[in-house]
C-alpha atoms as a PDB file:
ATOM      1  CA  UNK A   1     -33.231 -16.487  81.202  1.00  0.00           C
ATOM      2  CA  UNK A   2     -29.470 -16.848  80.979  1.00  0.00           C
ATOM      3  CA  UNK A   3     -27.195 -13.933  81.751  1.00  0.00           C
ATOM      4  CA  UNK A   4     -25.676 -13.608  78.270  1.00  0.00           C
ATOM      5  CA  UNK A   5     -29.027 -13.646  76.497  1.00  0.00           C
ATOM      6  CA  UNK A   6     -30.468 -11.117  78.951  1.00  0.00           C
ATOM      7  CA  UNK A   7     -27.424  -8.855  78.522  1.00  0.00           C
ATOM      8  CA  UNK A   8     -27.705  -8.977  74.739  1.00  0.00           C
ATOM      9  CA  UNK A   9     -31.441  -8.294  74.814  1.00  0.00           C
ATOM     10  CA  UNK A  10     -31.047  -5.401  77.239  1.00  0.00           C
ATOM     11  CA  UNK A  11     -27.874  -3.736  75.945  1.00  0.00           C
ATOM     12  CA  UNK A  12     -27.534  -4.846  72.315  1.00  0.00           C
ATOM     13  CA  UNK A  13     -31.178  -4.972  71.306  1.00  0.00           C
ATOM     14  CA  UNK A  14     -30.892  -4.199  67.593  1.00  0.00           C
ATOM     15  CA  UNK A  15     -28.092  -6.713  67.029  1.00  0.00           C
ATOM     16  CA  UNK A  16     -29.879  -9.339  69.109  1.00  0.00           C
ATOM     17  CA  UNK A  17     -33.037  -8.840  67.054  1.00  0.00           C
ATOM     18  CA  UNK A  18     -31.052  -9.353  63.864  1.00  0.00           C
ATOM     19  CA  UNK A  19     -29.350 -12.445  65.241  1.00  0.00           C
ATOM     20  CA  UNK A  20     -32.663 -14.018  66.230  1.00  0.00           C
ATOM     21  CA  UNK A  21     -34.357 -13.337  62.903  1.00  0.00           C
ATOM     22  CA  UNK A  22     -36.178 -16.499  61.804  1.00  0.00           C
ATOM     23  CA  UNK A  23     -34.263 -18.307  59.051  1.00  0.00           C
ATOM     24  CA  UNK A  24     -34.954 -21.522  57.186  1.00  0.00           C
ATOM     25  CA  UNK A  25     -33.092 -23.768  54.751  1.00  0.00           C
ATOM     26  CA  UNK A  26     -35.279 -24.702  51.786  1.00  0.00           C
ATOM     27  CA  UNK A  27     -34.625 -26.832  48.731  1.00  0.00           C
ATOM     28  CA  UNK A  28     -34.611 -24.907  45.443  1.00  0.00           C
ATOM     29  CA  UNK A  29     -35.492 -27.041  42.411  1.00  0.00           C
ATOM     30  CA  UNK A  30     -36.224 -24.365  39.821  1.00  0.00           C
ATOM     31  CA  UNK A  31     -35.206 -20.836  38.924  1.00  0.00           C
ATOM     32  CA  UNK A  32     -37.161 -18.587  36.600  1.00  0.00           C
ATOM     33  CA  UNK A  33     -36.413 -15.257  34.907  1.00  0.00           C
ATOM     34  CA  UNK A  34     -38.406 -15.303  32.697  1.00  0.00           C
ATOM     35  CA  UNK A  35     -38.065 -18.962  31.597  1.00  0.00           C
ATOM     36  CA  UNK A  36     -38.339 -21.801  34.136  1.00  0.00           C
ATOM     37  CA  UNK A  37     -35.078 -23.758  34.580  1.00  0.00           C
ATOM     38  CA  UNK A  38     -34.623 -26.984  36.555  1.00  0.00           C
ATOM     39  CA  UNK A  39     -31.415 -27.180  38.607  1.00  0.00           C
ATOM     40  CA  UNK A  40     -29.211 -30.229  37.947  1.00  0.00           C
ATOM     41  CA  UNK A  41     -27.708 -30.383  41.439  1.00  0.00           C
ATOM     42  CA  UNK A  42     -29.388 -30.196  44.844  1.00  0.00           C
ATOM     43  CA  UNK A  43     -29.448 -26.542  45.872  1.00  0.00           C
ATOM     44  CA  UNK A  44     -30.612 -25.043  49.135  1.00  0.00           C
ATOM     45  CA  UNK A  45     -31.340 -21.449  50.053  1.00  0.00           C
ATOM     46  CA  UNK A  46     -30.946 -19.799  53.443  1.00  0.00           C
ATOM     47  CA  UNK A  47     -34.095 -17.692  53.684  1.00  0.00           C
ATOM     48  CA  UNK A  48     -34.826 -14.702  55.900  1.00  0.00           C
ATOM     49  CA  UNK A  49     -38.438 -15.523  56.708  1.00  0.00           C
ATOM     50  CA  UNK A  50     -39.227 -12.177  58.308  1.00  0.00           C
ATOM     51  CA  UNK A  51     -38.054 -10.029  55.380  1.00  0.00           C
ATOM     52  CA  UNK A  52     -38.853 -12.408  52.499  1.00  0.00           C
ATOM     53  CA  UNK A  53     -35.373 -12.567  51.047  1.00  0.00           C
ATOM     54  CA  UNK A  54     -32.782 -15.193  50.173  1.00  0.00           C
ATOM     55  CA  UNK A  55     -29.469 -14.744  51.977  1.00  0.00           C
ATOM     56  CA  UNK A  56     -27.355 -17.327  50.152  1.00  0.00           C
ATOM     57  CA  UNK A  57     -27.434 -20.573  48.135  1.00  0.00           C
ATOM     58  CA  UNK A  58     -25.640 -23.751  49.255  1.00  0.00           C
ATOM     59  CA  UNK A  59     -25.085 -27.360  48.236  1.00  0.00           C
ATOM     60  CA  UNK A  60     -26.550 -30.503  49.780  1.00  0.00           C
ATOM     61  CA  UNK A  61     -23.894 -30.841  52.514  1.00  0.00           C
ATOM     62  CA  UNK A  62     -24.642 -27.473  54.073  1.00  0.00           C
ATOM     63  CA  UNK A  63     -26.089 -27.336  57.598  1.00  0.00           C
ATOM     64  CA  UNK A  64     -27.908 -24.216  58.691  1.00  0.00           C
ATOM     65  CA  UNK A  65     -26.807 -23.180  62.180  1.00  0.00           C
ATOM     66  CA  UNK A  66     -29.007 -20.248  63.244  1.00  0.00           C
ATOM     67  CA  UNK A  67     -27.220 -17.500  65.123  1.00  0.00           C
ATOM     68  CA  UNK A  68     -29.823 -17.833  67.865  1.00  0.00           C
ATOM     69  CA  UNK A  69     -28.771 -21.457  68.419  1.00  0.00           C
ATOM     70  CA  UNK A  70     -25.118 -20.409  68.762  1.00  0.00           C
ATOM     71  CA  UNK A  71     -25.967 -17.652  71.233  1.00  0.00           C
ATOM     72  CA  UNK A  72     -28.159 -19.910  73.362  1.00  0.00           C
ATOM     73  CA  UNK A  73     -25.545 -22.665  73.361  1.00  0.00           C
ATOM     74  CA  UNK A  74     -22.811 -20.249  74.385  1.00  0.00           C
ATOM     75  CA  UNK A  75     -25.009 -18.718  77.073  1.00  0.00           C
ATOM     76  CA  UNK A  76     -25.832 -22.126  78.546  1.00  0.00           C
ATOM     77  CA  UNK A  77     -22.150 -23.128  78.528  1.00  0.00           C
ATOM     78  CA  UNK A  78     -21.075 -19.941  80.314  1.00  0.00           C
ATOM     79  CA  UNK A  79     -23.604 -20.677  83.073  1.00  0.00           C
ATOM     80  CA  UNK A  80     -22.676 -24.346  83.255  1.00  0.00           C
ATOM     81  CA  UNK A  81     -18.960 -23.644  83.704  1.00  0.00           C
ATOM     82  CA  UNK A  82     -19.372 -20.700  86.061  1.00  0.00           C
ATOM     83  CA  UNK A  83     -18.084 -18.050  83.652  1.00  0.00           C
ATOM     84  CA  UNK A  84     -19.881 -14.918  84.772  1.00  0.00           C
ATOM     85  CA  UNK A  85     -20.211 -11.632  82.938  1.00  0.00           C
ATOM     86  CA  UNK A  86     -19.523  -9.350  85.897  1.00  0.00           C
ATOM     87  CA  UNK A  87     -17.004  -6.650  84.865  1.00  0.00           C
ATOM     88  CA  UNK A  88     -16.964  -7.715  81.230  1.00  0.00           C
ATOM     89  CA  UNK A  89     -17.597  -5.775  78.048  1.00  0.00           C
ATOM     90  CA  UNK A  90     -19.373  -7.128  74.984  1.00  0.00           C
ATOM     91  CA  UNK A  91     -18.947  -6.254  71.327  1.00  0.00           C
ATOM     92  CA  UNK A  92     -21.703  -7.606  69.087  1.00  0.00           C
ATOM     93  CA  UNK A  93     -22.089  -7.128  65.348  1.00  0.00           C
ATOM     94  CA  UNK A  94     -24.583  -8.708  62.948  1.00  0.00           C
ATOM     95  CA  UNK A  95     -24.500  -7.680  59.284  1.00  0.00           C
ATOM     96  CA  UNK A  96     -27.709  -5.918  58.144  1.00  0.00           C
ATOM     97  CA  UNK A  97     -28.222  -8.633  55.509  1.00  0.00           C
ATOM     98  CA  UNK A  98     -27.532 -11.342  58.139  1.00  0.00           C
ATOM     99  CA  UNK A  99     -24.511 -12.506  56.133  1.00  0.00           C
ATOM    100  CA  UNK A 100     -22.298 -12.889  59.220  1.00  0.00           C
ATOM    101  CA  UNK A 101     -22.124 -12.219  62.930  1.00  0.00           C
ATOM    102  CA  UNK A 102     -19.386 -11.666  65.517  1.00  0.00           C
ATOM    103  CA  UNK A 103     -19.669 -11.702  69.301  1.00  0.00           C
ATOM    104  CA  UNK A 104     -16.753 -10.779  71.564  1.00  0.00           C
ATOM    105  CA  UNK A 105     -16.709 -10.966  75.381  1.00  0.00           C
ATOM    106  CA  UNK A 106     -13.780  -9.207  77.095  1.00  0.00           C
ATOM    107  CA  UNK A 107     -12.849  -9.767  80.727  1.00  0.00           C
ATOM    108  CA  UNK A 108     -11.962  -6.515  82.512  1.00  0.00           C
ATOM    109  CA  UNK A 109     -10.358  -5.846  85.899  1.00  0.00           C
ATOM    110  CA  UNK A 110     -12.345  -7.511  88.651  1.00  0.00           C
ATOM    111  CA  UNK A 111     -13.839 -10.158  86.359  1.00  0.00           C
ATOM    112  CA  UNK A 112     -13.324 -13.919  86.604  1.00  0.00           C
ATOM    113  CA  UNK A 113     -10.245 -13.609  84.378  1.00  0.00           C
ATOM    114  CA  UNK A 114      -8.489 -10.312  85.120  1.00  0.00           C
ATOM    115  CA  UNK A 115      -5.911  -8.986  82.612  1.00  0.00           C
ATOM    116  CA  UNK A 116      -2.404 -10.479  82.678  1.00  0.00           C
ATOM    117  CA  UNK A 117       0.542  -8.142  83.338  1.00  0.00           C
ATOM    118  CA  UNK A 118       3.734  -9.033  81.434  1.00  0.00           C
ATOM    119  CA  UNK A 119       6.659  -9.829  83.736  1.00  0.00           C
ATOM    120  CA  UNK A 120       9.060  -7.369  82.067  1.00  0.00           C
ATOM    121  CA  UNK A 121       6.576  -4.498  82.229  1.00  0.00           C
ATOM    122  CA  UNK A 122       3.589  -4.611  84.609  1.00  0.00           C
ATOM    123  CA  UNK A 123       1.969  -1.785  82.623  1.00  0.00           C
ATOM    124  CA  UNK A 124       1.870  -4.035  79.563  1.00  0.00           C
ATOM    125  CA  UNK A 125      -1.410  -5.866  80.156  1.00  0.00           C
ATOM    126  CA  UNK A 126      -3.233  -8.465  78.105  1.00  0.00           C
ATOM    127  CA  UNK A 127      -7.010  -8.581  78.359  1.00  0.00           C
ATOM    128  CA  UNK A 128      -8.632 -12.006  77.968  1.00  0.00           C
ATOM    129  CA  UNK A 129     -11.643 -12.621  75.782  1.00  0.00           C
ATOM    130  CA  UNK A 130     -13.872 -15.095  73.967  1.00  0.00           C
ATOM    131  CA  UNK A 131     -14.955 -14.561  70.374  1.00  0.00           C
ATOM    132  CA  UNK A 132     -17.525 -16.405  68.279  1.00  0.00           C
ATOM    133  CA  UNK A 133     -17.970 -15.816  64.546  1.00  0.00           C
ATOM    134  CA  UNK A 134     -20.216 -17.425  61.955  1.00  0.00           C
ATOM    135  CA  UNK A 135     -22.031 -16.681  58.709  1.00  0.00           C
ATOM    136  CA  UNK A 136     -24.993 -17.680  56.586  1.00  0.00           C
ATOM    137  CA  UNK A 137     -23.240 -16.876  53.297  1.00  0.00           C
ATOM    138  CA  UNK A 138     -20.162 -19.112  53.881  1.00  0.00           C
ATOM    139  CA  UNK A 139     -17.855 -16.083  53.860  1.00  0.00           C
ATOM    140  CA  UNK A 140     -16.766 -16.907  57.432  1.00  0.00           C
ATOM    141  CA  UNK A 141     -16.523 -20.422  58.849  1.00  0.00           C
ATOM    142  CA  UNK A 142     -17.836 -21.035  62.345  1.00  0.00           C
ATOM    143  CA  UNK A 143     -15.230 -20.443  65.050  1.00  0.00           C
ATOM    144  CA  UNK A 144     -15.173 -20.140  68.813  1.00  0.00           C
ATOM    145  CA  UNK A 145     -11.818 -18.983  70.095  1.00  0.00           C
ATOM    146  CA  UNK A 146     -10.026 -17.374  72.996  1.00  0.00           C
ATOM    147  CA  UNK A 147      -8.220 -14.110  72.511  1.00  0.00           C
ATOM    148  CA  UNK A 148      -6.110 -11.369  74.065  1.00  0.00           C
ATOM    149  CA  UNK A 149      -6.086  -7.628  73.558  1.00  0.00           C
ATOM    150  CA  UNK A 150      -2.788  -5.914  74.340  1.00  0.00           C
ATOM    151  CA  UNK A 151      -3.789  -2.677  76.042  1.00  0.00           C
ATOM    152  CA  UNK A 152      -0.487  -0.793  76.010  1.00  0.00           C
ATOM    153  CA  UNK A 153       0.195  -0.793  72.274  1.00  0.00           C
ATOM    154  CA  UNK A 154      -1.170   1.750  69.856  1.00  0.00           C
ATOM    155  CA  UNK A 155      -3.131  -0.732  67.771  1.00  0.00           C
ATOM    156  CA  UNK A 156      -4.611  -2.841  70.575  1.00  0.00           C
ATOM    157  CA  UNK A 157      -2.960  -6.097  69.527  1.00  0.00           C
ATOM    158  CA  UNK A 158      -5.350  -8.992  69.345  1.00  0.00           C
ATOM    159  CA  UNK A 159      -4.476 -12.629  69.066  1.00  0.00           C
ATOM    160  CA  UNK A 160      -6.539 -15.780  68.894  1.00  0.00           C
ATOM    161  CA  UNK A 161      -6.282 -19.382  69.920  1.00  0.00           C
ATOM    162  CA  UNK A 162      -8.986 -21.774  68.748  1.00  0.00           C
ATOM    163  CA  UNK A 163     -10.675 -23.726  71.517  1.00  0.00           C
ATOM    164  CA  UNK A 164      -9.766 -27.290  70.647  1.00  0.00           C
ATOM    165  CA  UNK A 165      -9.392 -26.405  66.970  1.00  0.00           C
ATOM    166  CA  UNK A 166     -13.058 -25.434  66.828  1.00  0.00           C
ATOM    167  CA  UNK A 167     -12.997 -24.053  63.302  1.00  0.00           C
ATOM    168  CA  UNK A 168     -15.792 -25.730  61.390  1.00  0.00           C
ATOM    169  CA  UNK A 169     -17.514 -25.468  58.052  1.00  0.00           C
ATOM    170  CA  UNK A 170     -21.289 -25.706  58.166  1.00  0.00           C
ATOM    171  CA  UNK A 171     -21.483 -29.341  57.072  1.00  0.00           C
ATOM    172  CA  UNK A 172     -24.164 -31.815  58.059  1.00  0.00           C
ATOM    173  CA  UNK A 173     -21.933 -33.830  60.460  1.00  0.00           C
ATOM    174  CA  UNK A 174     -21.018 -30.820  62.654  1.00  0.00           C
ATOM    175  CA  UNK A 175     -22.662 -30.489  66.091  1.00  0.00           C
ATOM    176  CA  UNK A 176     -22.275 -26.891  67.249  1.00  0.00           C
ATOM    177  CA  UNK A 177     -22.983 -27.820  70.882  1.00  0.00           C
ATOM    178  CA  UNK A 178     -19.753 -29.843  71.025  1.00  0.00           C
ATOM    179  CA  UNK A 179     -17.767 -26.673  70.392  1.00  0.00           C
ATOM    180  CA  UNK A 180     -18.734 -25.214  73.771  1.00  0.00           C
ATOM    181  CA  UNK A 181     -17.309 -28.126  75.798  1.00  0.00           C
ATOM    182  CA  UNK A 182     -13.808 -26.616  75.759  1.00  0.00           C
ATOM    183  CA  UNK A 183     -15.054 -23.647  77.781  1.00  0.00           C
ATOM    184  CA  UNK A 184     -14.869 -25.909  80.834  1.00  0.00           C
ATOM    185  CA  UNK A 185     -11.088 -25.396  80.878  1.00  0.00           C
ATOM    186  CA  UNK A 186     -11.063 -21.764  79.786  1.00  0.00           C
ATOM    187  CA  UNK A 187      -8.777 -20.659  82.628  1.00  0.00           C
ATOM    188  CA  UNK A 188      -6.119 -23.192  81.628  1.00  0.00           C
ATOM    189  CA  UNK A 189      -6.387 -22.074  78.008  1.00  0.00           C
ATOM    190  CA  UNK A 190      -5.744 -18.462  79.045  1.00  0.00           C
ATOM    191  CA  UNK A 191      -2.749 -19.526  81.160  1.00  0.00           C
ATOM    192  CA  UNK A 192      -1.179 -21.323  78.198  1.00  0.00           C
ATOM    193  CA  UNK A 193      -1.697 -18.275  75.997  1.00  0.00           C
ATOM    194  CA  UNK A 194      -0.091 -15.856  78.448  1.00  0.00           C
ATOM    195  CA  UNK A 195       2.856 -18.232  78.922  1.00  0.00           C
ATOM    196  CA  UNK A 196       3.335 -18.292  75.170  1.00  0.00           C
ATOM    197  CA  UNK A 197       3.578 -14.502  74.999  1.00  0.00           C
ATOM    198  CA  UNK A 198       6.059 -14.433  77.849  1.00  0.00           C
ATOM    199  CA  UNK A 199       8.173 -16.785  75.731  1.00  0.00           C
ATOM    200  CA  UNK A 200       7.797 -14.508  72.693  1.00  0.00           C
ATOM    201  CA  UNK A 201       8.864 -11.543  74.798  1.00  0.00           C
ATOM    202  CA  UNK A 202      11.989 -13.300  76.035  1.00  0.00           C
ATOM    203  CA  UNK A 203      13.613 -13.461  72.582  1.00  0.00           C
ATOM    204  CA  UNK A 204      15.414 -10.380  71.240  1.00  0.00           C
ATOM    205  CA  UNK A 205      15.707 -10.342  67.456  1.00  0.00           C
ATOM    206  CA  UNK A 206      18.297  -8.792  65.186  1.00  0.00           C
ATOM    207  CA  UNK A 207      17.108  -6.383  62.512  1.00  0.00           C
ATOM    208  CA  UNK A 208      17.852  -9.094  59.939  1.00  0.00           C
ATOM    209  CA  UNK A 209      15.635 -11.587  61.759  1.00  0.00           C
ATOM    210  CA  UNK A 210      12.794  -9.066  61.965  1.00  0.00           C
ATOM    211  CA  UNK A 211      13.186  -8.399  58.266  1.00  0.00           C
ATOM    212  CA  UNK A 212      13.170 -12.117  57.456  1.00  0.00           C
ATOM    213  CA  UNK A 213       9.909 -12.634  59.357  1.00  0.00           C
ATOM    214  CA  UNK A 214       8.226  -9.750  57.574  1.00  0.00           C
ATOM    215  CA  UNK A 215       9.432 -10.935  54.164  1.00  0.00           C
ATOM    216  CA  UNK A 216       8.400 -14.530  54.792  1.00  0.00           C
ATOM    217  CA  UNK A 217       4.962 -13.500  55.970  1.00  0.00           C
ATOM    218  CA  UNK A 218       4.521 -11.063  53.061  1.00  0.00           C
ATOM    219  CA  UNK A 219       5.297 -13.802  50.534  1.00  0.00           C
ATOM    220  CA  UNK A 220       6.535 -11.390  47.858  1.00  0.00           C
ATOM    221  CA  UNK A 221       4.010  -8.605  48.477  1.00  0.00           C
ATOM    222  CA  UNK A 222       5.901  -5.303  48.704  1.00  0.00           C
ATOM    223  CA  UNK A 223       2.796  -3.522  49.969  1.00  0.00           C
ATOM    224  CA  UNK A 224       2.305  -5.965  52.823  1.00  0.00           C
ATOM    225  CA  UNK A 225       6.019  -5.939  53.685  1.00  0.00           C
ATOM    226  CA  UNK A 226       6.106  -2.153  53.897  1.00  0.00           C
ATOM    227  CA  UNK A 227       2.890  -2.063  55.912  1.00  0.00           C
ATOM    228  CA  UNK A 228       4.465  -4.351  58.505  1.00  0.00           C
ATOM    229  CA  UNK A 229       7.590  -2.195  58.709  1.00  0.00           C
ATOM    230  CA  UNK A 230       5.505   0.906  59.309  1.00  0.00           C
ATOM    231  CA  UNK A 231       3.289  -0.609  62.013  1.00  0.00           C
ATOM    232  CA  UNK A 232       6.202  -2.066  63.996  1.00  0.00           C
ATOM    233  CA  UNK A 233       6.051   0.042  67.156  1.00  0.00           C
ATOM    234  CA  UNK A 234       9.611  -0.637  68.329  1.00  0.00           C
ATOM    235  CA  UNK A 235      13.059   0.068  66.891  1.00  0.00           C
ATOM    236  CA  UNK A 236      13.799  -2.701  64.402  1.00  0.00           C
ATOM    237  CA  UNK A 237      17.202  -3.118  66.076  1.00  0.00           C
ATOM    238  CA  UNK A 238      15.622  -3.515  69.533  1.00  0.00           C
ATOM    239  CA  UNK A 239      12.593  -5.696  68.932  1.00  0.00           C
ATOM    240  CA  UNK A 240      11.499  -8.977  70.459  1.00  0.00           C
ATOM    241  CA  UNK A 241       9.488 -11.758  68.879  1.00  0.00           C
ATOM    242  CA  UNK A 242       6.565 -10.371  70.857  1.00  0.00           C
ATOM    243  CA  UNK A 243       6.963  -6.942  69.212  1.00  0.00           C
ATOM    244  CA  UNK A 244       7.061  -8.501  65.758  1.00  0.00           C
ATOM    245  CA  UNK A 245       3.998 -10.602  66.516  1.00  0.00           C
ATOM    246  CA  UNK A 246       2.303  -7.388  67.577  1.00  0.00           C
ATOM    247  CA  UNK A 247       3.000  -5.904  64.140  1.00  0.00           C
ATOM    248  CA  UNK A 248       1.448  -8.951  62.478  1.00  0.00           C
ATOM    249  CA  UNK A 249      -1.727  -8.580  64.523  1.00  0.00           C
ATOM    250  CA  UNK A 250      -1.843  -4.882  63.659  1.00  0.00           C
ATOM    251  CA  UNK A 251      -1.981  -5.977  60.021  1.00  0.00           C
ATOM    252  CA  UNK A 252      -4.925  -8.279  60.720  1.00  0.00           C
ATOM    253  CA  UNK A 253      -6.842  -5.925  63.013  1.00  0.00           C
ATOM    254  CA  UNK A 254      -7.054  -2.652  61.187  1.00  0.00           C
ATOM    255  CA  UNK A 255      -7.956  -3.377  57.559  1.00  0.00           C
ATOM    256  CA  UNK A 256      -5.170  -1.108  56.286  1.00  0.00           C
ATOM    257  CA  UNK A 257      -2.915  -1.326  53.256  1.00  0.00           C
ATOM    258  CA  UNK A 258       0.360   0.274  52.193  1.00  0.00           C
ATOM    259  CA  UNK A 259       0.250   2.065  48.823  1.00  0.00           C
ATOM    260  CA  UNK A 260       3.367   3.079  46.937  1.00  0.00           C
ATOM    261  CA  UNK A 261       3.554   6.820  46.266  1.00  0.00           C
ATOM    262  CA  UNK A 262       5.778   8.940  44.064  1.00  0.00           C
ATOM    263  CA  UNK A 263       7.478   8.042  40.809  1.00  0.00           C
ATOM    264  CA  UNK A 264       8.062   4.538  39.491  1.00  0.00           C
ATOM    265  CA  UNK A 265      10.618   2.758  41.631  1.00  0.00           C
ATOM    266  CA  UNK A 266       9.878   4.902  44.672  1.00  0.00           C
ATOM    267  CA  UNK A 267      10.282   3.230  48.064  1.00  0.00           C
ATOM    268  CA  UNK A 268       7.837   5.593  49.746  1.00  0.00           C
ATOM    269  CA  UNK A 269       4.490   4.239  50.959  1.00  0.00           C
ATOM    270  CA  UNK A 270       1.438   5.661  52.653  1.00  0.00           C
ATOM    271  CA  UNK A 271      -1.000   3.787  54.880  1.00  0.00           C
ATOM    272  CA  UNK A 272      -4.573   3.833  53.624  1.00  0.00           C
ATOM    273  CA  UNK A 273      -7.845   2.074  54.403  1.00  0.00           C
ATOM    274  CA  UNK A 274      -8.540  -1.165  52.576  1.00  0.00           C
ATOM    275  CA  UNK A 275     -11.701  -1.327  50.468  1.00  0.00           C
ATOM    276  CA  UNK A 276     -12.567  -4.822  51.710  1.00  0.00           C
ATOM    277  CA  UNK A 277     -15.377  -5.376  54.219  1.00  0.00           C
ATOM    278  CA  UNK A 278     -13.740  -4.912  57.642  1.00  0.00           C
ATOM    279  CA  UNK A 279     -15.107  -8.074  59.302  1.00  0.00           C
ATOM    280  CA  UNK A 280     -14.314 -10.308  56.343  1.00  0.00           C
ATOM    281  CA  UNK A 281     -10.885  -8.694  56.026  1.00  0.00           C
ATOM    282  CA  UNK A 282     -10.126  -9.371  59.681  1.00  0.00           C
ATOM    283  CA  UNK A 283     -11.174 -13.001  59.382  1.00  0.00           C
ATOM    284  CA  UNK A 284      -9.095 -13.576  56.239  1.00  0.00           C
ATOM    285  CA  UNK A 285      -6.037 -11.898  57.753  1.00  0.00           C
ATOM    286  CA  UNK A 286      -6.435 -13.689  61.090  1.00  0.00           C
ATOM    287  CA  UNK A 287      -6.379 -16.999  59.209  1.00  0.00           C
ATOM    288  CA  UNK A 288      -3.282 -15.845  57.347  1.00  0.00           C
ATOM    289  CA  UNK A 289      -1.511 -15.160  60.653  1.00  0.00           C
ATOM    290  CA  UNK A 290      -2.592 -18.477  62.151  1.00  0.00           C
ATOM    291  CA  UNK A 291      -1.092 -20.314  59.165  1.00  0.00           C
ATOM    292  CA  UNK A 292       2.185 -18.410  59.395  1.00  0.00           C
ATOM    293  CA  UNK A 293       2.548 -18.776  63.183  1.00  0.00           C
ATOM    294  CA  UNK A 294       2.185 -22.551  62.793  1.00  0.00           C
ATOM    295  CA  UNK A 295       4.725 -22.633  59.919  1.00  0.00           C
ATOM    296  CA  UNK A 296       8.280 -23.951  60.308  1.00  0.00           C
ATOM    297  CA  UNK A 297       9.693 -20.452  59.824  1.00  0.00           C
ATOM    298  CA  UNK A 298       7.948 -18.918  62.840  1.00  0.00           C
ATOM    299  CA  UNK A 299       8.146 -22.093  64.950  1.00  0.00           C
ATOM    300  CA  UNK A 300      11.944 -21.936  64.566  1.00  0.00           C
ATOM    301  CA  UNK A 301      11.978 -18.602  66.401  1.00  0.00           C
ATOM    302  CA  UNK A 302       9.540 -19.878  69.017  1.00  0.00           C
ATOM    303  CA  UNK A 303      11.754 -22.878  69.762  1.00  0.00           C
ATOM    304  CA  UNK A 304      14.762 -20.584  69.893  1.00  0.00           C
ATOM    305  CA  UNK A 305      12.932 -18.469  72.479  1.00  0.00           C
ATOM    306  CA  UNK A 306      12.081 -21.577  74.519  1.00  0.00           C
ATOM    307  CA  UNK A 307      15.705 -22.683  74.423  1.00  0.00           C
ATOM    308  CA  UNK A 308      17.003 -19.276  75.509  1.00  0.00           C
ATOM    309  CA  UNK A 309      14.417 -19.044  78.267  1.00  0.00           C
ATOM    310  CA  UNK A 310      15.365 -22.495  79.521  1.00  0.00           C
ATOM    311  CA  UNK A 311      19.065 -21.585  79.649  1.00  0.00           C
ATOM    312  CA  UNK A 312      18.299 -18.376  81.552  1.00  0.00           C
ATOM    313  CA  UNK A 313      16.192 -20.247  84.098  1.00  0.00           C
ATOM    314  CA  UNK A 314      18.947 -22.862  84.543  1.00  0.00           C
ATOM    315  CA  UNK A 315      21.594 -20.151  84.984  1.00  0.00           C
ATOM    316  CA  UNK A 316      19.570 -18.302  87.605  1.00  0.00           C
ATOM    317  CA  UNK A 317      18.975 -21.579  89.419  1.00  0.00           C
ATOM    318  CA  UNK A 318      22.709 -22.285  89.509  1.00  0.00           C
ATOM    319  CA  UNK A 319      23.522 -18.747  90.707  1.00  0.00           C
ATOM    320  CA  UNK A 320      20.918 -18.983  93.453  1.00  0.00           C
END
């Protein structure tokens, strides 16, 4: 038995049992209550065979990818590419109704991929990880991605990078086993991610630039804009692109919202919990960040950071 599967069975028994619940995809031709109706379009139901319940209805292009198949494929890939679980921690969550699941593997000190210490502050460490998410109700598309957790910050900044753009809808032409091939070069993927954050950290921003990023990302939402200002952990006049990115990931990680308080026109806000399901909220907000980070507005600052970093390296080379 593979190490991941054994670890999940031994240490995450209830979640593993949920994930391996027998499911089937069956064609539904009629519905009745109390009259019998014939459906005009092909409709398929994901059925929980152990609890006699329907999880969700889908169209003809839907492919059922059982969570057990994902876990076994991931486990086999980890063994194949020599990615051990020594000194790792695992977070595993399967919704009680089997709607979605999330598995996160974090690499601690002494593991195959020890945390990265930022060059400007060795106490600022980034912990590597792998995360896999999927759903039976189409609320979350299948993804396998690498990630970091920033250990020094108050919110535990997380960031993701899809492995070879492995973000797939459950359509009939998708082969889930292909998504694990990118794990072969996991170490290189982590190196590229840590280099990117070093670049972010090299660029100091003016307060106006910080404000412009928050406003662009918020897209007219005063609540979102004020939430970002409140979760920024550094002085707005002394922040880097890395600090601002940290604030964005705080927004995606913690399912919070900023609510205006006081009389009409007040600029005072309080931070409160969002009413949205936490896992679905995180996925929606993570996608929002991924879109913004790849936008021209954020890429401009990234290229500016690369340019500044290149000039600094050239200057030091000349001085030496």
